[in-house]
Structure formats: structure tokens, C-alpha cells
Amino acid sequence: MKQRNQPKWLALAGMGAVIAAAALWSNRRGSYDLAGRVVLITGGSRGLGLVLARQAVAEGAKVAICARDAEELERARQELAAGGTEVVALQRDLTDPEAVRSLIAEVQEQLGFIDVLINNAGIITAGPLDHMELREYQDSMDTHFWAPLHAMQAVLPAMRRRGEGRIINIASVGGKVPIPHLAPYCASKFALVGLSESFRIELKQHGILVTTICPNLLRTGSARHAIVKGKHKEEYATFVVADSLPVLTLDAEAAARRIWNACRRGDAEVIVGTPAKLLAGLHGLIPGTTTDLLSLVNRALPGENGELGDERRHGYESESAVSRSWVTTLTRKAEKENNELASDK
């Protein structure tokens, strides 16, 4: 029995060593200089997108950000431009293909050819499978698959002519491993991972490097904008608590630095955060066992809630004593730091 189990344990130990080495390797800075580059970040008005924009501005890049909320965009633009950097903020609904194409055209008209495109805009709906309707899947695919595809197609002609370019697609560990209560999100992120890797394969020969980023939970403060279904308060409390725990989550600034380092190096894929590396590694090694373990996690999550559970509510509409407790202190801090608070509508 011991001999039969030994190969599996050796494989797990080997995987741990590989993950540790990969963590050290992924912190290398790389040589691609952002100074003077034109960077477009979708969903750049708050959360991870805003943190990425701050770091790009600090390195001398000319930055364009886009989002749906005009007031939120203007606050972000003012902050980013405070030091005199050239910043463009454009209001767009990225689920509209024509809006995406006009976005790329306007950024290039105002700032010049786009050197780095970061497809970061995202939505998330949390809840039991029985409450997930077709709309949730359509919205997730429109945001996480079609919008990046339209944006990539729009920037490629100029990148091909110049023989260089960087495209960063922000996926998720949920694009590598299915996560309970996030079916539409995971399905669309899996699609983005496949799209991103396919583009990488065919564009590298033209000097265009596509990088797929798969982070675990990040402390960006964006949980309040998640849509929850089912037992709304319980679902949101579970989500925001998980989003706040230091062991499970990664600081947004640290994650952004790793993403920019991956961009500079031109990496094919970076899984950000030790929990994500472990989970993706386990799923790659023993996928059946991993999904069975996740099904046990699913049993511990809030259940269905009849017809009321079909109602869509934002996190900030589903607060409870638990979601406002000391356990979520880190998320509350991130909300204030990353322009997450003033757009509740």
C-alpha cells in the first residue's frame, strides 16, 4: 500500500517544489520599459484596474482607462493625472462591440498607438447553480470573452504593422479550476483562458506577446459590486469574508506588481497567489479528486432561496452583521483606497 501511494506523494512534493521555484521566478522584473508607452486598461476606474493604472503612471506611461460610470472615471482620472501625467478616461459599455472599437480608435487618436492592452474589466455573480439564469451566463461571456476579443482584434492591426505589442488578459484561478457558486464567472473565465492562449500561439511570431493572468482572490475592495443570488445576505457574507482573509487573498498592489512584471517579461501565463498555484496544480495533477473536494466545499455554502433567490442584488445591498464585522477589515480598507465606495446606485 505504501509503495502504491509513494508515487503520488512524490508527485505532490515535486509540485510543491515547482510552485516555490515559480514564485521566485515570477518576481523577476523583466526589461520591458513602460516609460512613454501607451497603456489602455479596461475597467481601470477602480479596484485592480486602478492599481495597475497607478503603477503604470508611476513608471511614466501614458494611460487610458475606461469604465461605465462617468463619475467614478473622473475621480480616477483626477487622481492619476495629479502628477502631470497624460491620462485619458473614456466612458464605455464594453459589451457593445462598436463601443470597444471606438474606444481603441479614440485612445490611439489622443495618445498614439497602444503598446499595452490590459483586458481587466469584469463582473461576478455569486450564488447556487439553481438561481443562475441565462442572463448571468450571457453577461459574463459578454464581459470576459467577447469584450476582450473585440479589443484584441481592434489593437492588432497597428501592433502587427509595428511588429510589437503586449496584451494582458486578466482571467482568474476560476478560469483554471471550477469554483462553487461561480458557474457563469468560471465558464467565461475558462473561455478567456482558451482565447488568450490561442492568441499567444499565433501572435508571438509577429512580436506580439499575449499574457494570461490567473489570480486567486485579491483584496481590491470590489466585493461590494458583486451580484449575489440565493440567500443574499449569507451569500455575500461568505463571499466578502473569503475576499478578506490574508491567507486566501493577496494584496492588490502586490498582485499588480506581479502582473506588470509578467508583462515586462512577456510571460505566457502567470498564476498569481500561492492558493491559486496550489489549487491549479492539484487540479492539473488529480482533476477528479480536486473537483470532488470542491463539491464538499459547495455543501457548506448557502443553499437555494425559492423564488426570492432569483432576484439579483449587489453586495452593498446585502450587508449583514457578518459582512460588516472585523473579519472584513481588509476589504473595507481596500474599498476606501481603490475608488470603490461612491458609485453605489
Protein backbone atom coordinates (compact mmCIF):
# COMPACT_ATOMS: atom_id res chain seq x y z
CA MET A 1 0.00 0.00 0.00
CA LYS A 2 2.81 2.37 0.93
CA GLN A 3 4.60 1.66 -2.34
CA ARG A 4 1.43 2.33 -4.35
CA ASN A 5 0.92 5.72 -2.63
CA GLN A 6 4.56 6.73 -2.87
CA PRO A 7 4.46 7.99 -6.49
CA LYS A 8 1.52 10.27 -5.71
CA TRP A 9 3.26 11.74 -2.65
CA LEU A 10 6.45 12.21 -4.62
CA ALA A 11 4.47 13.96 -7.34
CA LEU A 12 2.84 16.26 -4.78
CA ALA A 13 6.21 17.06 -3.20
CA GLY A 14 7.64 17.76 -6.64
CA MET A 15 4.71 20.02 -7.44
CA GLY A 16 5.33 21.96 -4.21
CA ALA A 17 8.98 22.48 -5.15
CA VAL A 18 7.98 23.63 -8.65
CA ILE A 19 5.45 26.13 -7.19
CA ALA A 20 8.07 27.54 -4.80
CA ALA A 21 10.57 27.95 -7.63
CA ALA A 22 7.90 29.50 -9.85
CA ALA A 23 7.05 32.04 -7.14
CA LEU A 24 10.67 33.22 -7.02
CA TRP A 25 10.93 33.25 -10.81
CA SER A 26 7.68 35.22 -11.20
CA ASN A 27 9.02 38.10 -9.10
CA ARG A 28 11.71 38.94 -11.67
CA ARG A 29 11.11 42.39 -13.09
CA GLY A 30 11.90 41.93 -16.78
CA SER A 31 13.32 44.52 -19.19
CA TYR A 32 10.27 45.98 -21.00
CA ASP A 33 10.21 49.69 -20.11
CA LEU A 34 6.80 51.34 -19.59
CA ALA A 35 8.11 54.89 -19.76
CA GLY A 36 6.49 56.69 -22.70
CA ARG A 37 4.36 53.67 -23.60
CA VAL A 38 0.63 53.99 -24.28
CA VAL A 39 -1.32 51.69 -21.95
CA LEU A 40 -5.05 51.01 -22.13
CA ILE A 41 -6.67 49.38 -19.10
CA THR A 42 -10.32 48.36 -19.32
CA GLY A 43 -12.16 48.53 -16.02
CA GLY A 44 -9.45 50.94 -14.91
CA SER A 45 -11.53 53.28 -12.75
CA ARG A 46 -11.43 51.19 -9.57
CA GLY A 47 -10.11 48.02 -7.97
CA LEU A 48 -7.26 46.12 -9.62
CA GLY A 49 -7.53 48.18 -12.82
CA LEU A 50 -6.94 51.41 -10.91
CA VAL A 51 -4.00 49.90 -9.02
CA LEU A 52 -2.46 48.78 -12.33
CA ALA A 53 -3.00 52.28 -13.73
CA ARG A 54 -1.32 53.89 -10.72
CA GLN A 55 1.76 51.74 -11.16
CA ALA A 56 1.89 52.42 -14.91
CA VAL A 57 1.64 56.17 -14.32
CA ALA A 58 4.40 55.97 -11.70
CA GLU A 59 6.68 54.47 -14.36
CA GLY A 60 5.98 57.21 -16.89
CA ALA A 61 3.40 55.52 -19.12
CA LYS A 62 0.63 57.41 -20.88
CA VAL A 63 -2.52 55.75 -19.56
CA ALA A 64 -6.07 55.41 -20.84
CA ILE A 65 -8.77 53.90 -18.65
CA CYS A 66 -12.38 53.08 -19.41
CA ALA A 67 -15.46 52.06 -17.43
CA ARG A 68 -19.22 52.58 -17.44
CA ASP A 69 -19.54 55.02 -14.55
CA ALA A 70 -18.65 58.60 -15.57
CA GLU A 71 -18.26 59.98 -12.03
CA GLU A 72 -16.09 57.06 -10.98
CA LEU A 73 -13.95 57.55 -14.08
CA GLU A 74 -13.45 61.23 -13.41
CA ARG A 75 -12.33 60.60 -9.83
CA ALA A 76 -9.82 58.05 -11.08
CA ARG A 77 -8.62 60.37 -13.87
CA GLN A 78 -8.05 63.24 -11.47
CA GLU A 79 -6.04 61.03 -9.14
CA LEU A 80 -3.92 59.55 -11.90
CA ALA A 81 -3.28 62.89 -13.60
CA ALA A 82 -2.43 64.74 -10.38
CA GLY A 83 1.31 64.44 -11.03
CA GLY A 84 1.05 65.84 -14.55
CA THR A 85 0.90 62.52 -16.39
CA GLU A 86 -1.19 62.33 -19.56
CA VAL A 87 -4.31 60.34 -18.70
CA VAL A 88 -7.42 59.72 -20.80
CA ALA A 89 -10.66 58.44 -19.23
CA LEU A 90 -13.41 57.24 -21.56
CA GLN A 91 -16.90 56.08 -20.64
CA ARG A 92 -17.78 52.88 -22.48
CA ASP A 93 -20.06 49.85 -22.24
CA LEU A 94 -17.65 47.13 -23.32
CA THR A 95 -20.44 44.67 -24.04
CA ASP A 96 -21.14 46.76 -27.16
CA PRO A 97 -18.66 45.75 -29.92
CA GLU A 98 -18.88 49.14 -31.63
CA ALA A 99 -18.14 50.88 -28.31
CA VAL A 100 -14.99 48.78 -27.96
CA ARG A 101 -13.82 49.63 -31.48
CA SER A 102 -14.47 53.34 -30.96
CA LEU A 103 -12.59 53.15 -27.65
CA ILE A 104 -9.46 51.83 -29.33
CA ALA A 105 -9.72 54.42 -32.11
CA GLU A 106 -10.14 57.32 -29.66
CA VAL A 107 -7.26 56.24 -27.43
CA GLN A 108 -4.97 55.99 -30.46
CA GLU A 109 -6.12 59.38 -31.69
CA GLN A 110 -5.45 61.07 -28.35
CA LEU A 111 -2.36 59.23 -27.09
CA GLY A 112 -0.89 57.35 -30.05
CA PHE A 113 -0.65 53.66 -30.90
CA ILE A 114 -1.47 51.35 -27.99
CA ASP A 115 1.61 49.50 -26.76
CA VAL A 116 -0.07 47.59 -23.93
CA LEU A 117 -3.70 46.48 -23.77
CA ILE A 118 -4.92 45.13 -20.43
CA ASN A 119 -8.31 43.42 -20.58
CA ASN A 120 -9.27 43.78 -16.94
CA ALA A 121 -13.00 44.70 -16.92
CA GLY A 122 -15.03 42.10 -15.09
CA ILE A 123 -18.25 41.19 -13.34
CA ILE A 124 -19.02 38.45 -10.86
CA THR A 125 -22.25 36.76 -9.85
CA ALA A 126 -22.23 34.50 -6.80
CA GLY A 127 -24.95 32.06 -5.87
CA PRO A 128 -26.25 28.49 -6.18
CA LEU A 129 -26.50 26.94 -9.62
CA ASP A 130 -30.32 26.70 -9.42
CA HIS A 131 -30.54 30.51 -9.27
CA MET A 132 -28.23 31.13 -12.21
CA GLU A 133 -30.28 32.11 -15.25
CA LEU A 134 -29.26 32.54 -18.87
CA ARG A 135 -28.70 36.26 -18.30
CA GLU A 136 -25.86 35.58 -15.86
CA TYR A 137 -24.01 33.48 -18.43
CA GLN A 138 -24.62 35.98 -21.22
CA ASP A 139 -23.42 38.94 -19.13
CA SER A 140 -20.29 37.06 -18.04
CA MET A 141 -19.43 35.96 -21.58
CA ASP A 142 -20.07 39.46 -22.96
CA THR A 143 -17.69 40.96 -20.39
CA HIS A 144 -15.00 38.31 -20.03
CA PHE A 145 -14.87 36.80 -23.52
CA TRP A 146 -16.43 39.00 -26.21
CA ALA A 147 -15.16 42.35 -24.90
CA PRO A 148 -11.51 41.17 -24.74
CA LEU A 149 -11.87 39.56 -28.17
CA HIS A 150 -13.20 42.77 -29.74
CA ALA A 151 -10.48 44.82 -28.02
CA MET A 152 -7.71 42.50 -29.19
CA GLN A 153 -8.99 42.49 -32.74
CA ALA A 154 -9.10 46.30 -32.70
CA VAL A 155 -5.50 46.79 -31.49
CA LEU A 156 -3.91 44.06 -33.60
CA PRO A 157 -3.65 45.86 -36.96
CA ALA A 158 -1.44 48.62 -35.53
CA MET A 159 0.58 46.16 -33.42
CA ARG A 160 1.18 43.96 -36.48
CA ARG A 161 2.37 46.93 -38.53
CA ARG A 162 4.84 47.91 -35.83
CA GLY A 163 5.90 44.32 -35.14
CA GLU A 164 5.42 44.58 -31.39
CA GLY A 165 2.82 44.81 -28.65
CA ARG A 166 1.76 43.46 -25.29
CA ILE A 167 -1.71 42.13 -24.43
CA ILE A 168 -2.54 41.17 -20.84
CA ASN A 169 -5.75 39.26 -20.21
CA ILE A 170 -6.85 39.19 -16.58
CA ALA A 171 -8.53 35.82 -16.13
CA SER A 172 -8.76 34.03 -12.76
CA VAL A 173 -7.95 30.82 -10.95
CA GLY A 174 -11.66 30.33 -11.71
CA GLY A 175 -10.56 30.04 -15.33
CA LYS A 176 -8.39 27.05 -14.44
CA VAL A 177 -10.44 25.34 -11.72
CA PRO A 178 -14.25 25.41 -11.23
CA ILE A 179 -15.22 27.28 -8.06
CA PRO A 180 -18.56 26.51 -6.32
CA HIS A 181 -21.32 29.15 -6.66
CA LEU A 182 -19.47 30.92 -9.50
CA ALA A 183 -20.62 28.92 -12.54
CA PRO A 184 -21.14 31.83 -15.02
CA TYR A 185 -17.93 33.51 -13.87
CA CYS A 186 -15.86 30.33 -14.20
CA ALA A 187 -17.36 29.36 -17.55
CA SER A 188 -16.49 32.76 -19.03
CA LYS A 189 -13.01 32.86 -17.49
CA PHE A 190 -12.27 29.36 -18.82
CA ALA A 191 -13.25 30.72 -22.24
CA LEU A 192 -10.95 33.73 -21.79
CA VAL A 193 -8.02 31.49 -20.85
CA GLY A 194 -8.52 29.44 -24.01
CA LEU A 195 -8.86 32.57 -26.14
CA SER A 196 -5.82 34.21 -24.62
CA GLU A 197 -3.60 31.16 -25.03
CA SER A 198 -4.76 30.69 -28.63
CA PHE A 199 -3.87 34.29 -29.48
CA ARG A 200 -0.47 33.84 -27.81
CA ILE A 201 0.34 30.87 -30.03
CA GLU A 202 -0.36 32.68 -33.29
CA LEU A 203 0.77 36.22 -32.49
CA LYS A 204 4.19 35.60 -30.96
CA GLN A 205 5.72 35.27 -34.43
CA HIS A 206 4.62 38.88 -35.10
CA GLY A 207 6.31 40.24 -31.96
CA ILE A 208 3.02 40.48 -30.07
CA LEU A 209 3.13 38.78 -26.68
CA VAL A 210 -0.14 37.77 -25.01
CA THR A 211 -0.02 37.03 -21.29
CA THR A 212 -2.77 35.24 -19.37
CA ILE A 213 -3.07 36.21 -15.69
CA CYS A 214 -4.90 33.85 -13.31
CA PRO A 215 -5.01 35.35 -9.80
CA ASN A 216 -6.71 33.98 -6.71
CA LEU A 217 -8.90 36.28 -4.62
CA LEU A 218 -7.48 39.79 -4.47
CA ARG A 219 -8.14 42.41 -1.81
CA THR A 220 -9.25 45.16 -4.18
CA GLY A 221 -12.46 46.22 -2.37
CA SER A 222 -14.60 45.20 -5.33
CA ALA A 223 -16.67 42.60 -3.48
CA ARG A 224 -19.38 45.16 -2.76
CA HIS A 225 -20.08 45.38 -6.51
CA ALA A 226 -20.55 41.63 -6.93
CA ILE A 227 -24.06 40.42 -7.75
CA VAL A 228 -25.43 37.83 -5.34
CA LYS A 229 -28.36 35.45 -5.72
CA GLY A 230 -29.92 32.86 -3.44
CA LYS A 231 -29.76 33.70 0.25
CA HIS A 232 -28.41 37.15 -0.46
CA LYS A 233 -27.02 38.18 2.92
CA GLU A 234 -25.49 34.78 3.63
CA GLU A 235 -24.05 34.54 0.12
CA TYR A 236 -22.50 37.98 0.29
CA ALA A 237 -21.15 37.42 3.80
CA THR A 238 -19.45 34.22 2.65
CA PHE A 239 -18.01 35.96 -0.40
CA VAL A 240 -16.74 39.08 1.34
CA VAL A 241 -15.24 37.17 4.28
CA ALA A 242 -13.33 34.89 1.88
CA ASP A 243 -12.28 38.04 0.00
CA SER A 244 -10.77 39.48 3.20
CA LEU A 245 -8.69 36.65 4.66
CA PRO A 246 -4.93 37.23 4.40
CA VAL A 247 -4.15 33.54 3.87
CA LEU A 248 -6.60 33.15 0.98
CA THR A 249 -6.23 36.57 -0.62
CA LEU A 250 -3.46 38.75 -1.99
CA ASP A 251 -2.92 42.47 -1.60
CA ALA A 252 -3.91 44.31 -4.79
CA GLU A 253 -0.66 46.29 -5.00
CA ALA A 254 1.45 43.13 -4.75
CA ALA A 255 -0.70 41.43 -7.39
CA ALA A 256 -0.40 44.42 -9.74
CA ARG A 257 3.40 44.41 -9.42
CA ARG A 258 3.47 40.74 -10.38
CA ILE A 259 1.19 41.41 -13.34
CA TRP A 260 3.42 44.22 -14.61
CA ASN A 261 6.49 42.03 -14.14
CA ALA A 262 4.79 39.32 -16.21
CA CYS A 263 4.09 41.95 -18.88
CA ARG A 264 7.72 43.12 -18.93
CA ARG A 265 8.98 39.55 -19.23
CA GLY A 266 6.37 38.66 -21.84
CA ASP A 267 5.30 35.54 -19.94
CA ALA A 268 2.72 33.22 -21.46
CA GLU A 269 0.85 32.67 -18.19
CA VAL A 270 1.17 33.66 -14.57
CA ILE A 271 -0.92 32.21 -11.76
CA VAL A 272 -0.88 34.86 -9.03
CA GLY A 273 -1.00 33.80 -5.38
CA THR A 274 0.07 30.62 -3.61
CA PRO A 275 -3.51 29.32 -3.04
CA ALA A 276 -4.22 29.67 -6.75
CA LYS A 277 -0.96 27.90 -7.66
CA LEU A 278 -1.75 25.04 -5.30
CA LEU A 279 -5.33 24.67 -6.48
CA ALA A 280 -4.42 24.83 -10.17
CA GLY A 281 -1.56 22.41 -9.59
CA LEU A 282 -3.79 19.91 -7.79
CA HIS A 283 -6.43 20.18 -10.49
CA GLY A 284 -3.83 19.53 -13.15
CA LEU A 285 -2.45 16.52 -11.28
CA ILE A 286 -5.63 14.96 -9.88
CA PRO A 287 -8.60 16.76 -11.52
CA GLY A 288 -11.25 14.27 -10.42
CA THR A 289 -10.20 14.34 -6.79
CA THR A 290 -9.96 18.14 -6.83
CA THR A 291 -13.48 18.62 -8.19
CA ASP A 292 -14.83 16.06 -5.71
CA LEU A 293 -13.21 18.01 -2.86
CA LEU A 294 -14.72 21.23 -4.19
CA SER A 295 -18.14 19.56 -4.24
CA LEU A 296 -17.71 19.09 -0.48
CA VAL A 297 -16.96 22.80 -0.15
CA ASN A 298 -20.13 23.50 -2.11
CA ARG A 299 -22.21 21.66 0.52
CA ALA A 300 -21.01 24.12 3.17
CA LEU A 301 -22.15 27.17 1.16
CA PRO A 302 -25.59 28.83 1.50
CA GLY A 303 -28.38 26.94 -0.24
CA GLU A 304 -31.26 27.93 -2.52
CA ASN A 305 -33.86 30.52 -1.53
CA GLY A 306 -37.01 29.81 -3.56
CA GLU A 307 -38.25 32.47 -5.98
CA LEU A 308 -36.70 35.23 -3.87
CA GLY A 309 -33.29 33.77 -4.62
CA ASP A 310 -33.65 34.57 -8.32
CA GLU A 311 -33.51 38.28 -7.51
CA ARG A 312 -30.21 39.97 -8.39
CA ARG A 313 -28.74 42.17 -5.66
CA HIS A 314 -25.39 43.86 -5.33
CA GLY A 315 -23.17 43.12 -2.38
CA TYR A 316 -23.69 46.59 -0.94
CA GLU A 317 -27.45 45.84 -0.91
CA SER A 318 -26.91 42.60 1.01
CA GLU A 319 -24.90 43.71 4.03
CA SER A 320 -25.27 41.94 7.38
CA ALA A 321 -23.60 41.92 10.77
CA VAL A 322 -21.12 39.33 9.48
CA SER A 323 -20.22 41.22 6.31
CA ARG A 324 -19.66 44.39 8.37
CA SER A 325 -17.69 42.67 11.14
CA TRP A 326 -13.99 42.99 11.96
CA VAL A 327 -13.31 39.95 9.78
CA THR A 328 -13.78 42.10 6.66
CA THR A 329 -11.50 44.92 7.83
CA LEU A 330 -9.01 44.46 5.00
CA THR A 331 -11.73 44.63 2.36
CA ARG A 332 -13.17 47.81 3.91
CA LYS A 333 -9.72 49.37 3.82
CA ALA A 334 -9.29 48.43 0.15
CA GLU A 335 -12.71 49.91 -0.71
CA LYS A 336 -11.56 53.31 0.51
CA GLU A 337 -8.19 53.09 -1.21
CA ASN A 338 -9.38 51.90 -4.61
CA ASN A 339 -12.33 54.14 -5.54
CA GLU A 340 -14.96 51.50 -4.72
CA LEU A 341 -17.30 53.37 -2.40
CA ALA A 342 -19.02 56.27 -4.12
CA SER A 343 -20.72 54.54 -7.05
CA ASP A 344 -23.49 52.61 -5.23
CA LYS A 345 -26.62 53.02 -7.34
